[in-house]
Amino acid sequence: MNIFKYNIVCLFVLLLSFNLFSQTKTDGWEEGSKYNKLFKITKIDTVTGIILQVENIPPMQGMAQGIILKVKSGKDTILVHVCPKWMGDLLNINLQSKEEVTIEGGQAKCNGNTVFIATKLTTSGIILQVRDENGTPIWDRLR
């Protein structure tokens, strides 16, 4: 196993050992929630662009804050929903404006807007998998 994969495995083992009592299963990000039902695994696409803005806001009313990106891809500006803010804090995700990013995910309608719900992000050689191959949120395993 190469060192990168070994480090990723170690990171997830470490994260799974954390006790995340402060995160409830009803923050709106959990599997089966109204929000996660927006994601359709049959609509996986890849987008590459430049991050214009990083926000910590809830994607829908009643949800906990999430990491939301505005990404310029060609002539389009895309809203990208990454993960709950608490997961970003736990993983020390530090996405910055002007970074190039490649995002895999699916389009969905959220609050009347077309958004891109991420499954995987790659930036500066770092890969962040936020949903598994079935679209299940990785953060549900961390609760």
Protein backbone atom coordinates (compact mmCIF):
# COMPACT_ATOMS: atom_id res chain seq x y z
CA MET A 1 0.00 0.00 0.00
CA ASN A 2 1.54 3.32 -0.95
CA ILE A 3 2.12 5.95 1.74
CA PHE A 4 -0.75 8.20 0.56
CA LYS A 5 -3.34 5.42 0.82
CA TYR A 6 -1.86 4.37 4.16
CA ASN A 7 -2.22 7.94 5.48
CA ILE A 8 -5.83 8.14 4.29
CA VAL A 9 -6.67 4.81 5.95
CA CYS A 10 -5.00 5.98 9.17
CA LEU A 11 -6.94 9.25 9.05
CA PHE A 12 -10.28 7.46 8.74
CA VAL A 13 -9.41 5.01 11.53
CA LEU A 14 -8.51 7.97 13.72
CA LEU A 15 -11.71 9.80 12.82
CA LEU A 16 -13.84 6.75 13.49
CA SER A 17 -12.34 6.57 16.97
CA PHE A 18 -13.58 10.07 17.83
CA ASN A 19 -16.72 10.32 19.90
CA LEU A 20 -18.95 12.81 18.09
CA PHE A 21 -21.68 13.20 20.69
CA SER A 22 -22.14 16.84 19.76
CA GLN A 23 -23.42 15.90 16.31
CA THR A 24 -27.03 14.81 16.29
CA LYS A 25 -28.49 12.54 13.65
CA THR A 26 -31.05 15.22 12.86
CA ASP A 27 -28.88 18.07 11.59
CA GLY A 28 -30.36 17.65 8.11
CA TRP A 29 -27.18 16.14 6.64
CA GLU A 30 -27.86 12.53 7.65
CA GLU A 31 -28.57 9.74 5.18
CA GLY A 32 -32.26 9.60 4.34
CA SER A 33 -32.83 13.30 5.12
CA LYS A 34 -34.84 15.51 2.80
CA TYR A 35 -31.58 17.11 1.66
CA ASN A 36 -29.79 13.84 0.91
CA LYS A 37 -32.77 12.58 -1.06
CA LEU A 38 -31.95 15.35 -3.57
CA PHE A 39 -28.80 13.48 -4.57
CA LYS A 40 -29.24 11.05 -7.47
CA ILE A 41 -26.32 8.66 -8.01
CA THR A 42 -27.29 8.23 -11.68
CA LYS A 43 -26.32 11.85 -12.42
CA ILE A 44 -22.57 11.82 -11.64
CA ASP A 45 -20.55 14.45 -13.53
CA THR A 46 -17.11 16.03 -13.20
CA VAL A 47 -16.55 19.80 -13.08
CA THR A 48 -13.22 21.61 -13.02
CA GLY A 49 -12.93 25.27 -12.14
CA ILE A 50 -11.64 27.97 -9.83
CA ILE A 51 -13.11 28.55 -6.36
CA LEU A 52 -14.56 32.05 -6.22
CA GLN A 53 -15.96 31.89 -2.70
CA VAL A 54 -16.16 29.53 0.29
CA GLU A 55 -19.21 29.93 2.56
CA ASN A 56 -20.39 28.19 5.71
CA ILE A 57 -24.16 28.27 5.41
CA PRO A 58 -27.01 25.78 5.71
CA PRO A 59 -28.08 24.46 2.29
CA MET A 60 -31.72 24.27 3.38
CA GLN A 61 -33.76 25.78 6.19
CA GLY A 62 -33.41 23.82 9.43
CA MET A 63 -30.05 22.26 8.49
CA ALA A 64 -26.70 22.70 10.18
CA GLN A 65 -24.13 24.83 8.34
CA GLY A 66 -22.33 23.30 5.42
CA ILE A 67 -19.34 24.12 3.25
CA ILE A 68 -20.72 25.68 0.08
CA LEU A 69 -18.44 26.74 -2.79
CA LYS A 70 -19.02 29.10 -5.67
CA VAL A 71 -16.92 27.71 -8.51
CA LYS A 72 -16.26 29.34 -11.88
CA SER A 73 -16.21 26.66 -14.58
CA GLY A 74 -15.93 28.05 -18.08
CA LYS A 75 -18.64 30.67 -18.41
CA ASP A 76 -20.75 29.20 -15.59
CA THR A 77 -20.71 29.83 -11.85
CA ILE A 78 -21.74 26.70 -9.96
CA LEU A 79 -22.86 26.33 -6.34
CA VAL A 80 -21.16 23.24 -4.89
CA HIS A 81 -22.39 21.63 -1.67
CA VAL A 82 -19.44 19.82 -0.09
CA CYS A 83 -20.22 18.55 3.42
CA PRO A 84 -21.40 19.65 6.87
CA LYS A 85 -19.22 22.36 8.40
CA TRP A 86 -18.55 20.16 11.46
CA MET A 87 -16.99 17.53 9.18
CA GLY A 88 -14.91 20.18 7.44
CA ASP A 89 -13.70 21.38 10.84
CA LEU A 90 -12.93 17.83 11.94
CA LEU A 91 -10.92 17.11 8.79
CA ASN A 92 -9.36 20.59 8.81
CA ILE A 93 -10.62 21.25 5.28
CA ASN A 94 -9.20 24.59 4.21
CA LEU A 95 -10.50 25.40 0.75
CA GLN A 96 -9.52 28.86 -0.49
CA SER A 97 -10.64 31.29 -3.15
CA LYS A 98 -8.59 31.16 -6.37
CA GLU A 99 -7.76 27.45 -5.89
CA GLU A 100 -8.33 25.17 -8.87
CA VAL A 101 -10.65 22.30 -7.97
CA THR A 102 -12.05 19.23 -9.70
CA ILE A 103 -15.35 18.04 -8.32
CA GLU A 104 -17.28 14.85 -8.95
CA GLY A 105 -20.93 14.86 -8.00
CA GLY A 106 -24.46 15.29 -9.15
CA GLN A 107 -26.81 18.12 -9.95
CA ALA A 108 -29.90 18.70 -7.85
CA LYS A 109 -32.54 21.34 -7.26
CA CYS A 110 -32.23 22.91 -3.81
CA ASN A 111 -34.30 25.92 -2.72
CA GLY A 112 -35.22 26.52 -6.36
CA ASN A 113 -31.56 26.66 -7.47
CA THR A 114 -29.56 24.12 -9.44
CA VAL A 115 -26.65 23.02 -7.24
CA PHE A 116 -23.87 20.48 -7.55
CA ILE A 117 -23.69 18.02 -4.62
CA ALA A 118 -20.10 16.79 -4.34
CA THR A 119 -19.00 13.19 -3.95
CA LYS A 120 -15.27 13.89 -4.33
CA LEU A 121 -13.05 16.97 -4.59
CA THR A 122 -9.46 17.19 -5.77
CA THR A 123 -7.36 20.28 -5.20
CA SER A 124 -3.61 20.79 -4.87
CA GLY A 125 -3.14 17.02 -5.18
CA ILE A 126 -5.40 16.34 -2.19
CA ILE A 127 -8.43 14.10 -2.70
CA LEU A 128 -11.42 14.52 -0.41
CA GLN A 129 -14.05 11.78 -0.71
CA VAL A 130 -17.30 12.98 0.93
CA ARG A 131 -19.72 10.34 -0.40
CA ASP A 132 -19.11 6.70 -1.24
CA GLU A 133 -19.78 5.02 -4.60
CA ASN A 134 -23.48 4.66 -3.66
CA GLY A 135 -23.84 8.35 -2.74
CA THR A 136 -23.96 7.63 0.99
CA PRO A 137 -22.47 10.51 3.02
CA ILE A 138 -19.11 9.58 4.57
CA TRP A 139 -19.97 11.70 7.62
CA ASP A 140 -22.72 9.26 8.59
CA ARG A 141 -19.96 6.74 9.36
CA LEU A 142 -18.29 9.28 11.65
CA ARG A 143 -21.29 9.85 13.91
